[in-house]
C-alpha cells in the first residue's frame, strides 16, 4: 500500500511539482494539500497521514512552528521540512521542533524520495549539503549547542506563535481563529508576554518582535507597525 502524504507549501506550483515526483512512484499517495500552518494542523489531525512534507517558509506560522504544533496534537507524526536555505540555524530549529528530516528544495528527486522513505521507516534524513556543513562546524567547535540568549527565550512555543501573529498585524480575534483558541485565551497570552518581556502595550510587543528578527518580511513589518500604531 502507498504511504499517505500531506503537502504543505503556500506556492501551488511547488506543490504540483512535488506531487508529480511522488505520483511517478507507487510508494506515495498525496492525500491532502495545505497552504498555511493552521490549515496544515487541521488537515494533519483530520487525515492522520503517514508523512507530512512541510515548507519551512510558510506565512504566519512558519514550518518550524507548525511542525511543533502538529506534534503537540499528534506526537507520532513524521514530518520532513523542505527549505530553500541550508543555514545551520534553520536546520537546528527544524530538528528541535521535532521534524525527522530536512531537505533542500534544490535537492534531486531521488534525494527527496530517499528522505521520505527513510523517515517513513522511522529514521532521520538531512540533505547531504546540510549534514556536511553541520559536521564541519561541529568539528571546528564553532556551532553553539544553544541559540544565543534573547528576550524571546522567556516565551513558550505557543507564546512565540501568538507574538509572531501580533507582529504580523493580526488582531486578537484573528489570532484566536488562526490558532483555534478562545479570544480570552489570546488576550491572556498577550498579557503574559507583556509581563515577561517588560513591555506595556501591543506596540512594544511588535517592536521587540521586529528587533529580534521574529518578523523579517518588510511588508509584514510595515503592516505590523501600522497595527501597533493603531493599538489593535
C-alpha atoms as a PDB file:
ATOM      1  CA  UNK A   1       0.000   0.000   0.000  1.00  0.00           C
ATOM      2  CA  UNK A   2       1.309   3.503  -0.792  1.00  0.00           C
ATOM      3  CA  UNK A   3       2.102   5.847   2.082  1.00  0.00           C
ATOM      4  CA  UNK A   4      -0.260   8.789   2.549  1.00  0.00           C
ATOM      5  CA  UNK A   5       1.453  12.194   2.310  1.00  0.00           C
ATOM      6  CA  UNK A   6       0.260  15.719   3.121  1.00  0.00           C
ATOM      7  CA  UNK A   7       1.984  18.542   1.197  1.00  0.00           C
ATOM      8  CA  UNK A   8       2.277  21.913   2.943  1.00  0.00           C
ATOM      9  CA  UNK A   9       3.509  24.837   0.842  1.00  0.00           C
ATOM     10  CA  UNK A  10       1.995  28.244   0.097  1.00  0.00           C
ATOM     11  CA  UNK A  11       3.003  28.027  -3.583  1.00  0.00           C
ATOM     12  CA  UNK A  12       0.776  25.829  -5.730  1.00  0.00           C
ATOM     13  CA  UNK A  13       3.409  25.434  -8.424  1.00  0.00           C
ATOM     14  CA  UNK A  14       5.748  23.929  -5.823  1.00  0.00           C
ATOM     15  CA  UNK A  15       3.063  21.568  -4.549  1.00  0.00           C
ATOM     16  CA  UNK A  16       2.245  20.491  -8.086  1.00  0.00           C
ATOM     17  CA  UNK A  17       5.901  19.772  -8.819  1.00  0.00           C
ATOM     18  CA  UNK A  18       6.372  17.684  -5.685  1.00  0.00           C
ATOM     19  CA  UNK A  19       3.102  15.869  -6.294  1.00  0.00           C
ATOM     20  CA  UNK A  20       4.289  14.945  -9.784  1.00  0.00           C
ATOM     21  CA  UNK A  21       7.505  13.491  -8.335  1.00  0.00           C
ATOM     22  CA  UNK A  22       5.650  11.428  -5.724  1.00  0.00           C
ATOM     23  CA  UNK A  23       2.973  10.117  -8.040  1.00  0.00           C
ATOM     24  CA  UNK A  24       5.559   8.803 -10.506  1.00  0.00           C
ATOM     25  CA  UNK A  25       6.184   6.034  -7.962  1.00  0.00           C
ATOM     26  CA  UNK A  26       3.735   3.610  -6.407  1.00  0.00           C
ATOM     27  CA  UNK A  27       5.173   4.264  -2.938  1.00  0.00           C
ATOM     28  CA  UNK A  28       3.411   7.519  -2.051  1.00  0.00           C
ATOM     29  CA  UNK A  29      -0.056   8.991  -2.396  1.00  0.00           C
ATOM     30  CA  UNK A  30      -0.815  12.685  -1.826  1.00  0.00           C
ATOM     31  CA  UNK A  31      -3.996  12.808   0.256  1.00  0.00           C
ATOM     32  CA  UNK A  32      -4.031  16.491   1.190  1.00  0.00           C
ATOM     33  CA  UNK A  33      -2.525  19.885   0.387  1.00  0.00           C
ATOM     34  CA  UNK A  34      -2.348  22.912   2.693  1.00  0.00           C
ATOM     35  CA  UNK A  35      -1.186  26.481   2.060  1.00  0.00           C
ATOM     36  CA  UNK A  36      -0.746  27.661   5.664  1.00  0.00           C
ATOM     37  CA  UNK A  37       0.305  26.440   9.069  1.00  0.00           C
ATOM     38  CA  UNK A  38      -3.172  26.491  10.686  1.00  0.00           C
ATOM     39  CA  UNK A  39      -4.640  24.638   7.690  1.00  0.00           C
ATOM     40  CA  UNK A  40      -1.842  22.071   7.937  1.00  0.00           C
ATOM     41  CA  UNK A  41      -2.560  21.462  11.633  1.00  0.00           C
ATOM     42  CA  UNK A  42      -6.259  20.892  10.958  1.00  0.00           C
ATOM     43  CA  UNK A  43      -5.524  18.646   7.974  1.00  0.00           C
ATOM     44  CA  UNK A  44      -2.977  16.586   9.888  1.00  0.00           C
ATOM     45  CA  UNK A  45      -5.439  15.995  12.715  1.00  0.00           C
ATOM     46  CA  UNK A  46      -8.171  15.010  10.258  1.00  0.00           C
ATOM     47  CA  UNK A  47      -6.241  12.804   7.823  1.00  0.00           C
ATOM     48  CA  UNK A  48      -3.592  11.207  10.087  1.00  0.00           C
ATOM     49  CA  UNK A  49      -1.294  10.773   7.085  1.00  0.00           C
ATOM     50  CA  UNK A  50       1.860   8.669   7.232  1.00  0.00           C
ATOM     51  CA  UNK A  51       4.109  11.595   6.256  1.00  0.00           C
ATOM     52  CA  UNK A  52       3.940  15.389   6.123  1.00  0.00           C
ATOM     53  CA  UNK A  53       6.220  17.349   3.783  1.00  0.00           C
ATOM     54  CA  UNK A  54       6.403  20.878   5.186  1.00  0.00           C
ATOM     55  CA  UNK A  55       7.805  24.082   3.676  1.00  0.00           C
ATOM     56  CA  UNK A  56       9.789  25.983   6.294  1.00  0.00           C
ATOM     57  CA  UNK A  57       8.839  29.420   4.887  1.00  0.00           C
ATOM     58  CA  UNK A  58       5.088  29.451   5.470  1.00  0.00           C
ATOM     59  CA  UNK A  59       3.401  32.820   6.152  1.00  0.00           C
ATOM     60  CA  UNK A  60       2.066  33.442   9.661  1.00  0.00           C
ATOM     61  CA  UNK A  61       3.025  30.238  11.434  1.00  0.00           C
ATOM     62  CA  UNK A  62       6.237  29.100   9.777  1.00  0.00           C
ATOM     63  CA  UNK A  63       7.068  25.471   9.084  1.00  0.00           C
ATOM     64  CA  UNK A  64       9.014  25.000  12.308  1.00  0.00           C
ATOM     65  CA  UNK A  65       6.183  26.349  14.455  1.00  0.00           C
ATOM     66  CA  UNK A  66       3.609  24.358  12.501  1.00  0.00           C
ATOM     67  CA  UNK A  67       5.649  21.198  12.986  1.00  0.00           C
ATOM     68  CA  UNK A  68       5.747  21.749  16.745  1.00  0.00           C
ATOM     69  CA  UNK A  69       2.002  22.391  16.820  1.00  0.00           C
ATOM     70  CA  UNK A  70       1.177  19.249  14.833  1.00  0.00           C
ATOM     71  CA  UNK A  71       3.388  17.135  17.076  1.00  0.00           C
ATOM     72  CA  UNK A  72       1.705  18.601  20.149  1.00  0.00           C
ATOM     73  CA  UNK A  73      -1.546  17.023  18.940  1.00  0.00           C
ATOM     74  CA  UNK A  74      -0.094  14.060  17.033  1.00  0.00           C
ATOM     75  CA  UNK A  75       3.295  13.131  18.523  1.00  0.00           C
ATOM     76  CA  UNK A  76       3.574  10.102  16.225  1.00  0.00           C
ATOM     77  CA  UNK A  77       3.557  12.271  13.086  1.00  0.00           C
ATOM     78  CA  UNK A  78       6.580  12.018  10.802  1.00  0.00           C
ATOM     79  CA  UNK A  79       7.434  15.387   9.302  1.00  0.00           C
ATOM     80  CA  UNK A  80      10.059  16.329   6.715  1.00  0.00           C
ATOM     81  CA  UNK A  81      10.980  20.010   6.364  1.00  0.00           C
ATOM     82  CA  UNK A  82      11.598  21.412   2.887  1.00  0.00           C
ATOM     83  CA  UNK A  83      13.706  24.578   2.658  1.00  0.00           C
ATOM     84  CA  UNK A  84      15.422  26.870   0.174  1.00  0.00           C
ATOM     85  CA  UNK A  85      18.098  27.635   2.758  1.00  0.00           C
ATOM     86  CA  UNK A  86      20.840  25.430   4.176  1.00  0.00           C
ATOM     87  CA  UNK A  87      21.893  27.628   7.109  1.00  0.00           C
ATOM     88  CA  UNK A  88      22.565  25.787  10.342  1.00  0.00           C
ATOM     89  CA  UNK A  89      20.050  27.782  12.391  1.00  0.00           C
ATOM     90  CA  UNK A  90      17.180  26.660  10.166  1.00  0.00           C
ATOM     91  CA  UNK A  91      18.286  23.046  10.366  1.00  0.00           C
ATOM     92  CA  UNK A  92      18.715  23.071  14.139  1.00  0.00           C
ATOM     93  CA  UNK A  93      15.367  24.825  14.643  1.00  0.00           C
ATOM     94  CA  UNK A  94      13.623  22.272  12.435  1.00  0.00           C
ATOM     95  CA  UNK A  95      15.110  19.304  14.276  1.00  0.00           C
ATOM     96  CA  UNK A  96      14.352  20.840  17.673  1.00  0.00           C
ATOM     97  CA  UNK A  97      10.733  21.262  16.613  1.00  0.00           C
ATOM     98  CA  UNK A  98      10.504  17.502  16.094  1.00  0.00           C
ATOM     99  CA  UNK A  99      10.983  17.210  12.332  1.00  0.00           C
ATOM    100  CA  UNK A 100      12.590  13.941  11.241  1.00  0.00           C
ATOM    101  CA  UNK A 101      14.055  15.238   8.001  1.00  0.00           C
ATOM    102  CA  UNK A 102      15.416  18.368   6.338  1.00  0.00           C
ATOM    103  CA  UNK A 103      15.586  18.500   2.539  1.00  0.00           C
ATOM    104  CA  UNK A 104      16.729  21.393   0.362  1.00  0.00           C
ATOM    105  CA  UNK A 105      14.421  22.495  -2.434  1.00  0.00           C
ATOM    106  CA  UNK A 106      17.357  22.261  -4.838  1.00  0.00           C
ATOM    107  CA  UNK A 107      17.777  18.569  -3.974  1.00  0.00           C
ATOM    108  CA  UNK A 108      17.266  15.943  -6.657  1.00  0.00           C
ATOM    109  CA  UNK A 109      14.061  13.950  -6.994  1.00  0.00           C
ATOM    110  CA  UNK A 110      15.970  10.936  -5.716  1.00  0.00           C
ATOM    111  CA  UNK A 111      17.084  12.747  -2.551  1.00  0.00           C
ATOM    112  CA  UNK A 112      13.516  13.788  -1.782  1.00  0.00           C
ATOM    113  CA  UNK A 113      12.222  10.249  -2.237  1.00  0.00           C
ATOM    114  CA  UNK A 114      15.092   8.850  -0.140  1.00  0.00           C
ATOM    115  CA  UNK A 115      14.225  11.286   2.647  1.00  0.00           C
ATOM    116  CA  UNK A 116      10.580  10.235   2.693  1.00  0.00           C
ATOM    117  CA  UNK A 117      11.487   6.550   2.622  1.00  0.00           C
ATOM    118  CA  UNK A 118      13.982   6.943   5.455  1.00  0.00           C
ATOM    119  CA  UNK A 119      11.614   8.909   7.674  1.00  0.00           C
ATOM    120  CA  UNK A 120       8.724   6.536   6.907  1.00  0.00           C
ATOM    121  CA  UNK A 121      10.882   3.682   8.227  1.00  0.00           C
ATOM    122  CA  UNK A 122      11.430   5.567  11.476  1.00  0.00           C
ATOM    123  CA  UNK A 123      14.806   7.041  10.608  1.00  0.00           C
ATOM    124  CA  UNK A 124      16.017  10.599  10.056  1.00  0.00           C
ATOM    125  CA  UNK A 125      17.389  12.376   6.998  1.00  0.00           C
ATOM    126  CA  UNK A 126      19.400  15.519   6.265  1.00  0.00           C
ATOM    127  CA  UNK A 127      20.302  16.655   2.758  1.00  0.00           C
ATOM    128  CA  UNK A 128      23.990  15.824   2.145  1.00  0.00           C
ATOM    129  CA  UNK A 129      24.960  19.513   1.775  1.00  0.00           C
ATOM    130  CA  UNK A 130      23.350  20.275   5.136  1.00  0.00           C
ATOM    131  CA  UNK A 131      24.884  17.346   7.014  1.00  0.00           C
ATOM    132  CA  UNK A 132      28.354  18.105   5.612  1.00  0.00           C
ATOM    133  CA  UNK A 133      28.194  21.738   6.752  1.00  0.00           C
ATOM    134  CA  UNK A 134      26.932  20.799  10.203  1.00  0.00           C
ATOM    135  CA  UNK A 135      29.642  18.175  10.599  1.00  0.00           C
ATOM    136  CA  UNK A 136      32.362  20.632   9.582  1.00  0.00           C
ATOM    137  CA  UNK A 137      31.161  23.269  12.049  1.00  0.00           C
ATOM    138  CA  UNK A 138      30.844  20.763  14.882  1.00  0.00           C
ATOM    139  CA  UNK A 139      34.371  19.522  14.202  1.00  0.00           C
ATOM    140  CA  UNK A 140      35.663  23.107  14.267  1.00  0.00           C
ATOM    141  CA  UNK A 141      33.803  23.667  17.528  1.00  0.00           C
ATOM    142  CA  UNK A 142      32.039  26.806  16.324  1.00  0.00           C
ATOM    143  CA  UNK A 143      28.443  25.530  16.367  1.00  0.00           C
ATOM    144  CA  UNK A 144      26.764  26.580  19.566  1.00  0.00           C
ATOM    145  CA  UNK A 145      24.865  23.932  21.488  1.00  0.00           C
ATOM    146  CA  UNK A 146      22.159  26.501  22.225  1.00  0.00           C
ATOM    147  CA  UNK A 147      20.971  29.550  20.326  1.00  0.00           C
ATOM    148  CA  UNK A 148      22.160  32.900  21.638  1.00  0.00           C
ATOM    149  CA  UNK A 149      20.122  34.201  24.541  1.00  0.00           C
ATOM    150  CA  UNK A 150      17.454  36.741  23.744  1.00  0.00           C
ATOM    151  CA  UNK A 151      14.376  38.175  25.367  1.00  0.00           C
ATOM    152  CA  UNK A 152      12.251  35.698  23.433  1.00  0.00           C
ATOM    153  CA  UNK A 153      13.770  32.726  25.289  1.00  0.00           C
ATOM    154  CA  UNK A 154      11.382  33.563  28.135  1.00  0.00           C
ATOM    155  CA  UNK A 155       8.409  32.679  25.940  1.00  0.00           C
ATOM    156  CA  UNK A 156       6.782  29.291  25.406  1.00  0.00           C
ATOM    157  CA  UNK A 157       6.353  27.930  21.838  1.00  0.00           C
ATOM    158  CA  UNK A 158       2.676  28.921  21.904  1.00  0.00           C
ATOM    159  CA  UNK A 159       3.514  32.435  23.112  1.00  0.00           C
ATOM    160  CA  UNK A 160       6.028  32.760  20.265  1.00  0.00           C
ATOM    161  CA  UNK A 161       3.288  31.796  17.813  1.00  0.00           C
ATOM    162  CA  UNK A 162       0.985  34.453  19.231  1.00  0.00           C
ATOM    163  CA  UNK A 163       3.757  37.062  19.231  1.00  0.00           C
ATOM    164  CA  UNK A 164       4.590  36.364  15.577  1.00  0.00           C
ATOM    165  CA  UNK A 165       0.953  36.896  14.615  1.00  0.00           C
ATOM    166  CA  UNK A 166       0.745  40.077  16.713  1.00  0.00           C
ATOM    167  CA  UNK A 167       3.838  41.348  14.894  1.00  0.00           C
ATOM    168  CA  UNK A 168       2.221  40.374  11.582  1.00  0.00           C
ATOM    169  CA  UNK A 169      -0.554  42.820  12.424  1.00  0.00           C
ATOM    170  CA  UNK A 170      -3.223  40.274  13.390  1.00  0.00           C
ATOM    171  CA  UNK A 171      -5.889  41.264  15.925  1.00  0.00           C
ATOM    172  CA  UNK A 172      -6.728  39.083  18.909  1.00  0.00           C
ATOM    173  CA  UNK A 173      -9.861  37.835  17.134  1.00  0.00           C
ATOM    174  CA  UNK A 174      -7.872  36.867  14.045  1.00  0.00           C
ATOM    175  CA  UNK A 175      -5.247  35.104  16.151  1.00  0.00           C
ATOM    176  CA  UNK A 176      -7.968  33.199  18.013  1.00  0.00           C
ATOM    177  CA  UNK A 177      -9.338  31.902  14.702  1.00  0.00           C
ATOM    178  CA  UNK A 178      -5.916  31.045  13.246  1.00  0.00           C
ATOM    179  CA  UNK A 179      -4.774  29.120  16.330  1.00  0.00           C
ATOM    180  CA  UNK A 180      -8.184  27.702  17.265  1.00  0.00           C
ATOM    181  CA  UNK A 181      -8.108  29.433  20.651  1.00  0.00           C
ATOM    182  CA  UNK A 182     -10.642  31.370  22.684  1.00  0.00           C
ATOM    183  CA  UNK A 183     -10.472  35.155  22.476  1.00  0.00           C
ATOM    184  CA  UNK A 184      -9.829  35.467  26.205  1.00  0.00           C
ATOM    185  CA  UNK A 185      -7.039  32.906  25.920  1.00  0.00           C
ATOM    186  CA  UNK A 186      -5.282  35.012  23.278  1.00  0.00           C
ATOM    187  CA  UNK A 187      -5.662  38.132  25.412  1.00  0.00           C
ATOM    188  CA  UNK A 188      -4.233  36.217  28.348  1.00  0.00           C
ATOM    189  CA  UNK A 189      -1.210  35.199  26.244  1.00  0.00           C
ATOM    190  CA  UNK A 190      -0.640  38.812  25.244  1.00  0.00           C
ATOM    191  CA  UNK A 191      -0.855  39.972  28.866  1.00  0.00           C
ATOM    192  CA  UNK A 192       1.596  37.274  29.983  1.00  0.00           C
ATOM    193  CA  UNK A 193       4.030  38.143  27.180  1.00  0.00           C
ATOM    194  CA  UNK A 194       3.953  41.823  28.093  1.00  0.00           C
ATOM    195  CA  UNK A 195       4.843  40.899  31.668  1.00  0.00           C
ATOM    196  CA  UNK A 196       7.649  38.523  30.650  1.00  0.00           C
ATOM    197  CA  UNK A 197       9.112  40.960  28.109  1.00  0.00           C
ATOM    198  CA  UNK A 198       8.630  44.074  30.254  1.00  0.00           C
ATOM    199  CA  UNK A 199       6.565  45.992  27.703  1.00  0.00           C
ATOM    200  CA  UNK A 200       3.325  47.838  28.274  1.00  0.00           C
ATOM    201  CA  UNK A 201       1.348  47.548  25.026  1.00  0.00           C
ATOM    202  CA  UNK A 202       0.994  45.896  21.638  1.00  0.00           C
ATOM    203  CA  UNK A 203       3.354  48.446  20.080  1.00  0.00           C
ATOM    204  CA  UNK A 204       6.056  47.295  22.484  1.00  0.00           C
ATOM    205  CA  UNK A 205       5.466  43.646  21.606  1.00  0.00           C
ATOM    206  CA  UNK A 206       5.636  44.459  17.910  1.00  0.00           C
ATOM    207  CA  UNK A 207       8.834  46.485  18.195  1.00  0.00           C
ATOM    208  CA  UNK A 208      10.516  43.721  20.197  1.00  0.00           C
ATOM    209  CA  UNK A 209       9.460  41.094  17.648  1.00  0.00           C
ATOM    210  CA  UNK A 210      10.879  43.198  14.824  1.00  0.00           C
ATOM    211  CA  UNK A 211      14.088  43.973  16.697  1.00  0.00           C
ATOM    212  CA  UNK A 212      14.764  40.275  17.332  1.00  0.00           C
ATOM    213  CA  UNK A 213      14.050  39.288  13.734  1.00  0.00           C
ATOM    214  CA  UNK A 214      10.883  37.347  14.518  1.00  0.00           C
ATOM    215  CA  UNK A 215       9.148  39.042  11.558  1.00  0.00           C
ATOM    216  CA  UNK A 216      11.830  39.569   8.870  1.00  0.00           C
ATOM    217  CA  UNK A 217       9.463  40.242   5.962  1.00  0.00           C
ATOM    218  CA  UNK A 218       9.494  44.014   5.199  1.00  0.00           C
ATOM    219  CA  UNK A 219       5.830  44.073   4.180  1.00  0.00           C
ATOM    220  CA  UNK A 220       4.820  42.332   7.391  1.00  0.00           C
ATOM    221  CA  UNK A 221       6.959  44.742   9.360  1.00  0.00           C
ATOM    222  CA  UNK A 222       5.163  47.694   7.756  1.00  0.00           C
ATOM    223  CA  UNK A 223       1.749  46.177   8.436  1.00  0.00           C
ATOM    224  CA  UNK A 224       2.721  45.339  11.980  1.00  0.00           C
ATOM    225  CA  UNK A 225       3.929  48.856  12.685  1.00  0.00           C
ATOM    226  CA  UNK A 226       0.663  50.282  11.402  1.00  0.00           C
ATOM    227  CA  UNK A 227      -1.289  47.861  13.563  1.00  0.00           C
ATOM    228  CA  UNK A 228       0.827  48.732  16.576  1.00  0.00           C
ATOM    229  CA  UNK A 229       0.235  52.425  15.990  1.00  0.00           C
ATOM    230  CA  UNK A 230      -3.489  51.813  15.965  1.00  0.00           C
ATOM    231  CA  UNK A 231      -3.275  49.773  19.167  1.00  0.00           C
ATOM    232  CA  UNK A 232      -5.031  46.789  17.610  1.00  0.00           C
END
